[in-house]
PDB file of N, CA and C in Angstrom:
ATOM      1  N   UNK A   1     182.749  67.112 -59.817  1.00  0.00           N
ATOM      2  CA  UNK A   1     181.091  67.430 -61.258  1.00  0.00           C
ATOM      3  C   UNK A   1     179.934  66.948 -59.825  1.00  0.00           C
ATOM      4  N   UNK A   2     179.237  68.395 -59.876  1.00  0.00           N
ATOM      5  CA  UNK A   2     178.421  67.827 -59.476  1.00  0.00           C
ATOM      6  C   UNK A   2     177.165  66.772 -60.362  1.00  0.00           C
ATOM      7  N   UNK A   3     176.216  65.900 -58.903  1.00  0.00           N
ATOM      8  CA  UNK A   3     175.563  65.127 -59.455  1.00  0.00           C
ATOM      9  C   UNK A   3     174.859  65.374 -60.610  1.00  0.00           C
ATOM     10  N   UNK A   4     174.188  66.856 -60.883  1.00  0.00           N
ATOM     11  CA  UNK A   4     173.479  66.945 -61.730  1.00  0.00           C
ATOM     12  C   UNK A   4     173.945  67.118 -63.011  1.00  0.00           C
ATOM     13  N   UNK A   5     175.144  67.605 -63.184  1.00  0.00           N
ATOM     14  CA  UNK A   5     175.404  67.547 -64.086  1.00  0.00           C
ATOM     15  C   UNK A   5     175.961  66.307 -64.895  1.00  0.00           C
ATOM     16  N   UNK A   6     176.243  65.334 -64.230  1.00  0.00           N
ATOM     17  CA  UNK A   6     176.536  63.932 -64.171  1.00  0.00           C
ATOM     18  C   UNK A   6     175.077  63.666 -65.016  1.00  0.00           C
ATOM     19  N   UNK A   7     174.164  63.576 -64.520  1.00  0.00           N
ATOM     20  CA  UNK A   7     172.361  62.914 -64.768  1.00  0.00           C
ATOM     21  C   UNK A   7     172.157  63.986 -66.181  1.00  0.00           C
ATOM     22  N   UNK A   8     173.004  64.869 -66.412  1.00  0.00           N
ATOM     23  CA  UNK A   8     172.256  65.829 -67.394  1.00  0.00           C
ATOM     24  C   UNK A   8     173.500  65.474 -68.520  1.00  0.00           C
ATOM     25  N   UNK A   9     174.461  64.901 -68.423  1.00  0.00           N
ATOM     26  CA  UNK A   9     175.072  64.680 -69.700  1.00  0.00           C
ATOM     27  C   UNK A   9     175.155  63.510 -69.985  1.00  0.00           C
ATOM     28  N   UNK A  10     174.527  61.747 -69.149  1.00  0.00           N
ATOM     29  CA  UNK A  10     174.107  61.186 -69.239  1.00  0.00           C
ATOM     30  C   UNK A  10     173.177  60.869 -70.261  1.00  0.00           C
ATOM     31  N   UNK A  11     172.577  62.093 -69.950  1.00  0.00           N
ATOM     32  CA  UNK A  11     171.264  62.173 -70.640  1.00  0.00           C
ATOM     33  C   UNK A  11     170.997  62.716 -72.035  1.00  0.00           C
ATOM     34  N   UNK A  12     171.985  63.023 -72.009  1.00  0.00           N
ATOM     35  CA  UNK A  12     172.642  63.586 -73.757  1.00  0.00           C
ATOM     36  C   UNK A  12     171.799  65.107 -73.473  1.00  0.00           C
ATOM     37  N   UNK A  13     171.674  65.809 -72.255  1.00  0.00           N
ATOM     38  CA  UNK A  13     171.618  67.380 -72.176  1.00  0.00           C
ATOM     39  C   UNK A  13     172.779  68.198 -71.755  1.00  0.00           C
ATOM     40  N   UNK A  14     173.634  67.672 -71.693  1.00  0.00           N
ATOM     41  CA  UNK A  14     175.351  68.785 -71.673  1.00  0.00           C
ATOM     42  C   UNK A  14     176.203  68.532 -72.578  1.00  0.00           C
ATOM     43  N   UNK A  15     176.984  69.567 -72.681  1.00  0.00           N
ATOM     44  CA  UNK A  15     178.002  69.611 -73.772  1.00  0.00           C
ATOM     45  C   UNK A  15     178.818  68.790 -74.193  1.00  0.00           C
ATOM     46  N   UNK A  16     179.260  68.290 -75.217  1.00  0.00           N
ATOM     47  CA  UNK A  16     180.045  67.314 -75.217  1.00  0.00           C
ATOM     48  C   UNK A  16     181.200  67.773 -75.296  1.00  0.00           C
ATOM     49  N   UNK A  17     182.425  67.234 -74.690  1.00  0.00           N
ATOM     50  CA  UNK A  17     183.753  68.126 -74.349  1.00  0.00           C
ATOM     51  C   UNK A  17     184.781  67.736 -75.516  1.00  0.00           C
ATOM     52  N   UNK A  18     185.412  68.326 -75.801  1.00  0.00           N
ATOM     53  CA  UNK A  18     186.528  67.989 -76.965  1.00  0.00           C
ATOM     54  C   UNK A  18     186.525  68.855 -78.026  1.00  0.00           C
ATOM     55  N   UNK A  19     187.400  68.460 -79.433  1.00  0.00           N
ATOM     56  CA  UNK A  19     187.541  69.488 -80.070  1.00  0.00           C
ATOM     57  C   UNK A  19     186.239  69.895 -81.097  1.00  0.00           C
ATOM     58  N   UNK A  20     185.540  70.782 -81.825  1.00  0.00           N
ATOM     59  CA  UNK A  20     184.409  70.454 -82.109  1.00  0.00           C
ATOM     60  C   UNK A  20     184.801  70.824 -83.624  1.00  0.00           C
ATOM     61  N   UNK A  21     185.748  70.339 -83.810  1.00  0.00           N
ATOM     62  CA  UNK A  21     185.867  70.264 -85.646  1.00  0.00           C
ATOM     63  C   UNK A  21     186.394  68.974 -85.880  1.00  0.00           C
ATOM     64  N   UNK A  22     186.099  68.155 -85.173  1.00  0.00           N
ATOM     65  CA  UNK A  22     186.836  67.131 -85.419  1.00  0.00           C
ATOM     66  C   UNK A  22     185.847  66.424 -86.484  1.00  0.00           C
ATOM     67  N   UNK A  23     186.721  65.578 -87.784  1.00  0.00           N
ATOM     68  CA  UNK A  23     186.250  65.218 -88.876  1.00  0.00           C
ATOM     69  C   UNK A  23     186.032  64.048 -88.394  1.00  0.00           C
ATOM     70  N   UNK A  24     184.677  63.505 -88.695  1.00  0.00           N
ATOM     71  CA  UNK A  24     184.197  62.002 -88.478  1.00  0.00           C
ATOM     72  C   UNK A  24     184.700  61.044 -89.781  1.00  0.00           C
ATOM     73  N   UNK A  25     184.785  61.596 -90.787  1.00  0.00           N
ATOM     74  CA  UNK A  25     185.280  60.654 -92.474  1.00  0.00           C
ATOM     75  C   UNK A  25     186.825  60.651 -91.961  1.00  0.00           C
ATOM     76  N   UNK A  26     187.262  61.439 -91.427  1.00  0.00           N
ATOM     77  CA  UNK A  26     188.875  61.034 -91.033  1.00  0.00           C
ATOM     78  C   UNK A  26     189.149  60.192 -89.899  1.00  0.00           C
ATOM     79  N   UNK A  27     188.260  59.979 -89.365  1.00  0.00           N
ATOM     80  CA  UNK A  27     188.634  59.306 -88.120  1.00  0.00           C
ATOM     81  C   UNK A  27     188.266  57.503 -88.726  1.00  0.00           C
ATOM     82  N   UNK A  28     187.190  57.818 -89.391  1.00  0.00           N
ATOM     83  CA  UNK A  28     187.322  56.217 -90.042  1.00  0.00           C
ATOM     84  C   UNK A  28     187.879  56.076 -91.161  1.00  0.00           C
ATOM     85  N   UNK A  29     188.288  56.951 -92.288  1.00  0.00           N
ATOM     86  CA  UNK A  29     189.925  56.945 -92.698  1.00  0.00           C
ATOM     87  C   UNK A  29     190.891  56.134 -91.887  1.00  0.00           C
ATOM     88  N   UNK A  30     191.484  56.804 -91.103  1.00  0.00           N
ATOM     89  CA  UNK A  30     192.125  56.270 -90.181  1.00  0.00           C
ATOM     90  C   UNK A  30     192.389  54.767 -90.264  1.00  0.00           C
ATOM     91  N   UNK A  31     190.837  54.374 -90.052  1.00  0.00           N
ATOM     92  CA  UNK A  31     191.136  52.867 -89.387  1.00  0.00           C
ATOM     93  C   UNK A  31     191.083  51.805 -90.551  1.00  0.00           C
ATOM     94  N   UNK A  32     190.690  52.800 -91.507  1.00  0.00           N
ATOM     95  CA  UNK A  32     190.886  51.862 -93.026  1.00  0.00           C
ATOM     96  C   UNK A  32     191.941  51.812 -93.815  1.00  0.00           C
ATOM     97  N   UNK A  33     193.405  52.576 -93.104  1.00  0.00           N
ATOM     98  CA  UNK A  33     194.444  51.911 -93.781  1.00  0.00           C
ATOM     99  C   UNK A  33     194.850  50.480 -93.080  1.00  0.00           C
ATOM    100  N   UNK A  34     194.491  49.994 -91.876  1.00  0.00           N
ATOM    101  CA  UNK A  34     194.956  48.904 -91.242  1.00  0.00           C
ATOM    102  C   UNK A  34     193.961  47.757 -91.832  1.00  0.00           C
ATOM    103  N   UNK A  35     192.939  47.628 -92.572  1.00  0.00           N
ATOM    104  CA  UNK A  35     191.634  47.105 -92.794  1.00  0.00           C
ATOM    105  C   UNK A  35     192.433  46.301 -94.516  1.00  0.00           C
ATOM    106  N   UNK A  36     191.907  45.372 -94.964  1.00  0.00           N
ATOM    107  CA  UNK A  36     192.110  44.723 -95.964  1.00  0.00           C
ATOM    108  C   UNK A  36     191.446  46.006 -97.026  1.00  0.00           C
ATOM    109  N   UNK A  37     192.088  46.326 -98.293  1.00  0.00           N
ATOM    110  CA  UNK A  37     191.765  47.127 -98.837  1.00  0.00           C
ATOM    111  C   UNK A  37     190.977  46.491 -99.594  1.00  0.00           C
ATOM    112  N   UNK A  38     190.838  45.727 -99.777  1.00  0.00           N
ATOM    113  CA  UNK A  38     189.473  45.303-101.160  1.00  0.00           C
ATOM    114  C   UNK A  38     187.869  44.945-100.030  1.00  0.00           C
ATOM    115  N   UNK A  39     187.900  44.741 -98.870  1.00  0.00           N
ATOM    116  CA  UNK A  39     187.100  44.847 -98.103  1.00  0.00           C
ATOM    117  C   UNK A  39     186.357  46.267 -97.286  1.00  0.00           C
ATOM    118  N   UNK A  40     187.015  47.009 -97.522  1.00  0.00           N
ATOM    119  CA  UNK A  40     186.768  48.568 -97.404  1.00  0.00           C
ATOM    120  C   UNK A  40     185.569  49.001 -97.742  1.00  0.00           C
ATOM    121  N   UNK A  41     185.271  48.779 -99.011  1.00  0.00           N
ATOM    122  CA  UNK A  41     183.937  49.559 -99.738  1.00  0.00           C
ATOM    123  C   UNK A  41     182.702  48.166 -99.092  1.00  0.00           C
ATOM    124  N   UNK A  42     183.184  46.986 -99.070  1.00  0.00           N
ATOM    125  CA  UNK A  42     181.839  46.410 -98.283  1.00  0.00           C
ATOM    126  C   UNK A  42     181.696  47.129 -96.854  1.00  0.00           C
ATOM    127  N   UNK A  43     182.443  47.128 -96.221  1.00  0.00           N
ATOM    128  CA  UNK A  43     182.506  47.842 -94.825  1.00  0.00           C
ATOM    129  C   UNK A  43     181.721  49.059 -94.872  1.00  0.00           C
ATOM    130  N   UNK A  44     181.601  50.081 -96.168  1.00  0.00           N
ATOM    131  CA  UNK A  44     181.165  51.298 -96.346  1.00  0.00           C
ATOM    132  C   UNK A  44     179.560  50.669 -96.862  1.00  0.00           C
ATOM    133  N   UNK A  45     179.198  49.759 -97.448  1.00  0.00           N
ATOM    134  CA  UNK A  45     178.294  49.561 -98.173  1.00  0.00           C
ATOM    135  C   UNK A  45     177.131  48.805 -96.852  1.00  0.00           C
ATOM    136  N   UNK A  46     177.858  48.551 -95.958  1.00  0.00           N
ATOM    137  CA  UNK A  46     177.109  47.152 -94.996  1.00  0.00           C
ATOM    138  C   UNK A  46     176.614  48.732 -93.920  1.00  0.00           C
ATOM    139  N   UNK A  47     177.546  49.881 -93.521  1.00  0.00           N
ATOM    140  CA  UNK A  47     177.129  50.764 -92.643  1.00  0.00           C
ATOM    141  C   UNK A  47     176.170  51.788 -93.322  1.00  0.00           C
ATOM    142  N   UNK A  48     175.833  51.624 -95.127  1.00  0.00           N
ATOM    143  CA  UNK A  48     174.659  52.418 -95.237  1.00  0.00           C
ATOM    144  C   UNK A  48     173.167  52.003 -95.575  1.00  0.00           C
ATOM    145  N   UNK A  49     173.579  50.429 -94.560  1.00  0.00           N
ATOM    146  CA  UNK A  49     171.867  49.843 -95.119  1.00  0.00           C
ATOM    147  C   UNK A  49     170.975  50.215 -93.928  1.00  0.00           C
ATOM    148  N   UNK A  50     171.501  50.669 -92.885  1.00  0.00           N
ATOM    149  CA  UNK A  50     170.813  51.264 -91.771  1.00  0.00           C
ATOM    150  C   UNK A  50     171.144  51.719 -90.664  1.00  0.00           C
ATOM    151  N   UNK A  51     171.083  52.772 -89.887  1.00  0.00           N
ATOM    152  CA  UNK A  51     171.498  53.482 -89.121  1.00  0.00           C
ATOM    153  C   UNK A  51     172.180  52.815 -87.677  1.00  0.00           C
ATOM    154  N   UNK A  52     171.913  51.297 -87.509  1.00  0.00           N
ATOM    155  CA  UNK A  52     172.181  50.212 -86.161  1.00  0.00           C
ATOM    156  C   UNK A  52     173.605  49.808 -87.253  1.00  0.00           C
ATOM    157  N   UNK A  53     173.502  49.613 -88.138  1.00  0.00           N
ATOM    158  CA  UNK A  53     175.106  49.030 -89.148  1.00  0.00           C
ATOM    159  C   UNK A  53     175.822  50.449 -88.993  1.00  0.00           C
ATOM    160  N   UNK A  54     175.383  51.605 -89.312  1.00  0.00           N
ATOM    161  CA  UNK A  54     176.019  52.877 -89.203  1.00  0.00           C
ATOM    162  C   UNK A  54     176.915  52.914 -87.887  1.00  0.00           C
ATOM    163  N   UNK A  55     176.221  52.801 -86.996  1.00  0.00           N
ATOM    164  CA  UNK A  55     176.569  52.828 -85.543  1.00  0.00           C
ATOM    165  C   UNK A  55     177.724  52.259 -85.095  1.00  0.00           C
ATOM    166  N   UNK A  56     177.262  50.903 -85.515  1.00  0.00           N
ATOM    167  CA  UNK A  56     178.612  49.806 -85.165  1.00  0.00           C
ATOM    168  C   UNK A  56     179.473  49.981 -86.101  1.00  0.00           C
ATOM    169  N   UNK A  57     179.668  50.234 -87.331  1.00  0.00           N
ATOM    170  CA  UNK A  57     180.828  50.691 -87.838  1.00  0.00           C
ATOM    171  C   UNK A  57     181.619  51.925 -87.862  1.00  0.00           C
ATOM    172  N   UNK A  58     180.856  52.912 -87.239  1.00  0.00           N
ATOM    173  CA  UNK A  58     181.685  54.065 -86.844  1.00  0.00           C
ATOM    174  C   UNK A  58     182.050  54.227 -85.069  1.00  0.00           C
ATOM    175  N   UNK A  59     181.867  52.935 -84.776  1.00  0.00           N
ATOM    176  CA  UNK A  59     182.468  52.905 -83.520  1.00  0.00           C
ATOM    177  C   UNK A  59     183.830  53.796 -83.499  1.00  0.00           C
ATOM    178  N   UNK A  60     184.580  54.169 -83.717  1.00  0.00           N
ATOM    179  CA  UNK A  60     185.851  54.489 -83.741  1.00  0.00           C
ATOM    180  C   UNK A  60     185.848  55.885 -83.659  1.00  0.00           C
ATOM    181  N   UNK A  61     184.665  56.893 -84.251  1.00  0.00           N
ATOM    182  CA  UNK A  61     183.997  58.119 -83.786  1.00  0.00           C
ATOM    183  C   UNK A  61     183.798  58.518 -82.453  1.00  0.00           C
ATOM    184  N   UNK A  62     182.813  57.131 -81.798  1.00  0.00           N
ATOM    185  CA  UNK A  62     182.410  57.061 -80.843  1.00  0.00           C
ATOM    186  C   UNK A  62     183.295  57.469 -79.701  1.00  0.00           C
ATOM    187  N   UNK A  63     184.423  56.239 -80.005  1.00  0.00           N
ATOM    188  CA  UNK A  63     185.362  56.279 -79.025  1.00  0.00           C
ATOM    189  C   UNK A  63     186.218  57.374 -78.787  1.00  0.00           C
ATOM    190  N   UNK A  64     186.322  57.965 -80.032  1.00  0.00           N
ATOM    191  CA  UNK A  64     187.062  59.595 -79.984  1.00  0.00           C
ATOM    192  C   UNK A  64     186.324  60.540 -79.136  1.00  0.00           C
ATOM    193  N   UNK A  65     184.821  60.500 -79.715  1.00  0.00           N
ATOM    194  CA  UNK A  65     184.181  61.227 -78.386  1.00  0.00           C
ATOM    195  C   UNK A  65     184.510  61.139 -77.476  1.00  0.00           C
ATOM    196  N   UNK A  66     184.172  60.031 -76.951  1.00  0.00           N
ATOM    197  CA  UNK A  66     184.277  60.178 -75.673  1.00  0.00           C
ATOM    198  C   UNK A  66     185.519  59.452 -74.848  1.00  0.00           C
ATOM    199  N   UNK A  67     186.770  59.569 -75.119  1.00  0.00           N
ATOM    200  CA  UNK A  67     187.836  59.741 -75.133  1.00  0.00           C
ATOM    201  C   UNK A  67     188.092  61.333 -74.432  1.00  0.00           C
ATOM    202  N   UNK A  68     187.299  62.416 -74.630  1.00  0.00           N
ATOM    203  CA  UNK A  68     187.467  63.544 -74.227  1.00  0.00           C
ATOM    204  C   UNK A  68     186.731  63.788 -72.946  1.00  0.00           C
ATOM    205  N   UNK A  69     186.169  62.770 -72.649  1.00  0.00           N
ATOM    206  CA  UNK A  69     184.591  63.028 -71.417  1.00  0.00           C
ATOM    207  C   UNK A  69     185.328  62.580 -70.476  1.00  0.00           C
ATOM    208  N   UNK A  70     184.412  63.489 -69.096  1.00  0.00           N
ATOM    209  CA  UNK A  70     185.194  62.900 -67.707  1.00  0.00           C
ATOM    210  C   UNK A  70     184.877  61.314 -67.572  1.00  0.00           C
ATOM    211  N   UNK A  71     185.835  60.887 -66.460  1.00  0.00           N
ATOM    212  CA  UNK A  71     186.141  59.536 -66.804  1.00  0.00           C
ATOM    213  C   UNK A  71     185.460  59.190 -64.689  1.00  0.00           C
ATOM    214  N   UNK A  72     185.440  58.255 -64.501  1.00  0.00           N
ATOM    215  CA  UNK A  72     185.281  58.364 -62.821  1.00  0.00           C
ATOM    216  C   UNK A  72     186.857  57.926 -62.348  1.00  0.00           C
ATOM    217  N   UNK A  73     187.640  57.747 -62.867  1.00  0.00           N
ATOM    218  CA  UNK A  73     189.352  56.974 -63.222  1.00  0.00           C
ATOM    219  C   UNK A  73     189.080  55.504 -62.472  1.00  0.00           C
ATOM    220  N   UNK A  74     188.045  54.705 -63.094  1.00  0.00           N
ATOM    221  CA  UNK A  74     188.358  53.417 -62.624  1.00  0.00           C
ATOM    222  C   UNK A  74     188.736  52.842 -63.978  1.00  0.00           C
ATOM    223  N   UNK A  75     189.382  51.835 -63.610  1.00  0.00           N
ATOM    224  CA  UNK A  75     189.474  50.970 -64.788  1.00  0.00           C
ATOM    225  C   UNK A  75     189.408  49.593 -64.843  1.00  0.00           C
ATOM    226  N   UNK A  76     188.862  49.213 -66.179  1.00  0.00           N
ATOM    227  CA  UNK A  76     188.343  48.178 -66.347  1.00  0.00           C
ATOM    228  C   UNK A  76     188.675  47.626 -67.550  1.00  0.00           C
ATOM    229  N   UNK A  77     188.702  45.994 -67.322  1.00  0.00           N
ATOM    230  CA  UNK A  77     189.284  45.198 -68.766  1.00  0.00           C
ATOM    231  C   UNK A  77     188.088  44.381 -69.426  1.00  0.00           C
ATOM    232  N   UNK A  78     188.536  45.040 -70.787  1.00  0.00           N
ATOM    233  CA  UNK A  78     187.924  44.744 -72.238  1.00  0.00           C
ATOM    234  C   UNK A  78     188.688  44.086 -72.723  1.00  0.00           C
ATOM    235  N   UNK A  79     188.601  42.664 -72.566  1.00  0.00           N
ATOM    236  CA  UNK A  79     189.272  42.110 -74.165  1.00  0.00           C
ATOM    237  C   UNK A  79     190.840  41.847 -73.378  1.00  0.00           C
ATOM    238  N   UNK A  80     191.553  42.521 -74.345  1.00  0.00           N
ATOM    239  CA  UNK A  80     192.837  42.618 -73.292  1.00  0.00           C
ATOM    240  C   UNK A  80     193.151  43.981 -73.326  1.00  0.00           C
ATOM    241  N   UNK A  81     192.695  45.088 -73.515  1.00  0.00           N
ATOM    242  CA  UNK A  81     193.163  46.303 -73.407  1.00  0.00           C
ATOM    243  C   UNK A  81     192.521  47.075 -72.071  1.00  0.00           C
ATOM    244  N   UNK A  82     193.036  47.396 -70.972  1.00  0.00           N
ATOM    245  CA  UNK A  82     193.043  48.270 -70.116  1.00  0.00           C
ATOM    246  C   UNK A  82     191.904  49.589 -70.202  1.00  0.00           C
ATOM    247  N   UNK A  83     190.767  49.762 -70.075  1.00  0.00           N
ATOM    248  CA  UNK A  83     189.912  51.160 -70.756  1.00  0.00           C
ATOM    249  C   UNK A  83     189.375  51.426 -69.049  1.00  0.00           C
ATOM    250  N   UNK A  84     188.894  52.882 -69.544  1.00  0.00           N
ATOM    251  CA  UNK A  84     188.315  53.792 -68.441  1.00  0.00           C
ATOM    252  C   UNK A  84     186.958  53.912 -68.838  1.00  0.00           C
ATOM    253  N   UNK A  85     185.957  53.206 -67.756  1.00  0.00           N
ATOM    254  CA  UNK A  85     184.675  53.193 -68.005  1.00  0.00           C
ATOM    255  C   UNK A  85     184.499  55.001 -67.883  1.00  0.00           C
ATOM    256  N   UNK A  86     183.222  55.363 -68.630  1.00  0.00           N
ATOM    257  CA  UNK A  86     182.567  56.793 -68.405  1.00  0.00           C
ATOM    258  C   UNK A  86     182.078  56.176 -66.792  1.00  0.00           C
ATOM    259  N   UNK A  87     181.850  57.886 -65.976  1.00  0.00           N
ATOM    260  CA  UNK A  87     181.745  57.643 -64.709  1.00  0.00           C
ATOM    261  C   UNK A  87     180.074  57.751 -64.667  1.00  0.00           C
ATOM    262  N   UNK A  88     179.261  57.983 -65.811  1.00  0.00           N
ATOM    263  CA  UNK A  88     177.473  57.236 -65.679  1.00  0.00           C
ATOM    264  C   UNK A  88     177.380  55.951 -66.081  1.00  0.00           C
ATOM    265  N   UNK A  89     178.530  55.322 -66.296  1.00  0.00           N
ATOM    266  CA  UNK A  89     177.609  54.298 -66.849  1.00  0.00           C
ATOM    267  C   UNK A  89     177.772  52.961 -65.320  1.00  0.00           C
ATOM    268  N   UNK A  90     176.987  52.533 -65.151  1.00  0.00           N
ATOM    269  CA  UNK A  90     176.646  51.909 -63.725  1.00  0.00           C
ATOM    270  C   UNK A  90     177.598  50.425 -63.688  1.00  0.00           C
ATOM    271  N   UNK A  91     178.109  49.786 -65.231  1.00  0.00           N
ATOM    272  CA  UNK A  91     178.413  48.768 -65.156  1.00  0.00           C
ATOM    273  C   UNK A  91     179.802  49.193 -65.089  1.00  0.00           C
ATOM    274  N   UNK A  92     180.621  50.097 -65.094  1.00  0.00           N
ATOM    275  CA  UNK A  92     181.594  49.879 -65.266  1.00  0.00           C
ATOM    276  C   UNK A  92     182.314  50.665 -63.533  1.00  0.00           C
TER     277      UNK A  92
END
């Protein structure tokens, strides 16, 4: 992948790879199955308070989008899981 493409992708000017028909609500609902049922409505109420709260609560949607993007193949350790850092992220 040419460097120009990497910079364009990192700046949000390139196409997002992956399925175009993904359903963000379904992605969030999948995560709800493992949560305490009484707290799921509280989670969505908090996500509605402001854009930052929404993005924090919708991390699974972002993770699904990033799963289909190119990576540098450099493994990094985050917590107990092994994850692959995006190629544009200088800290990975």
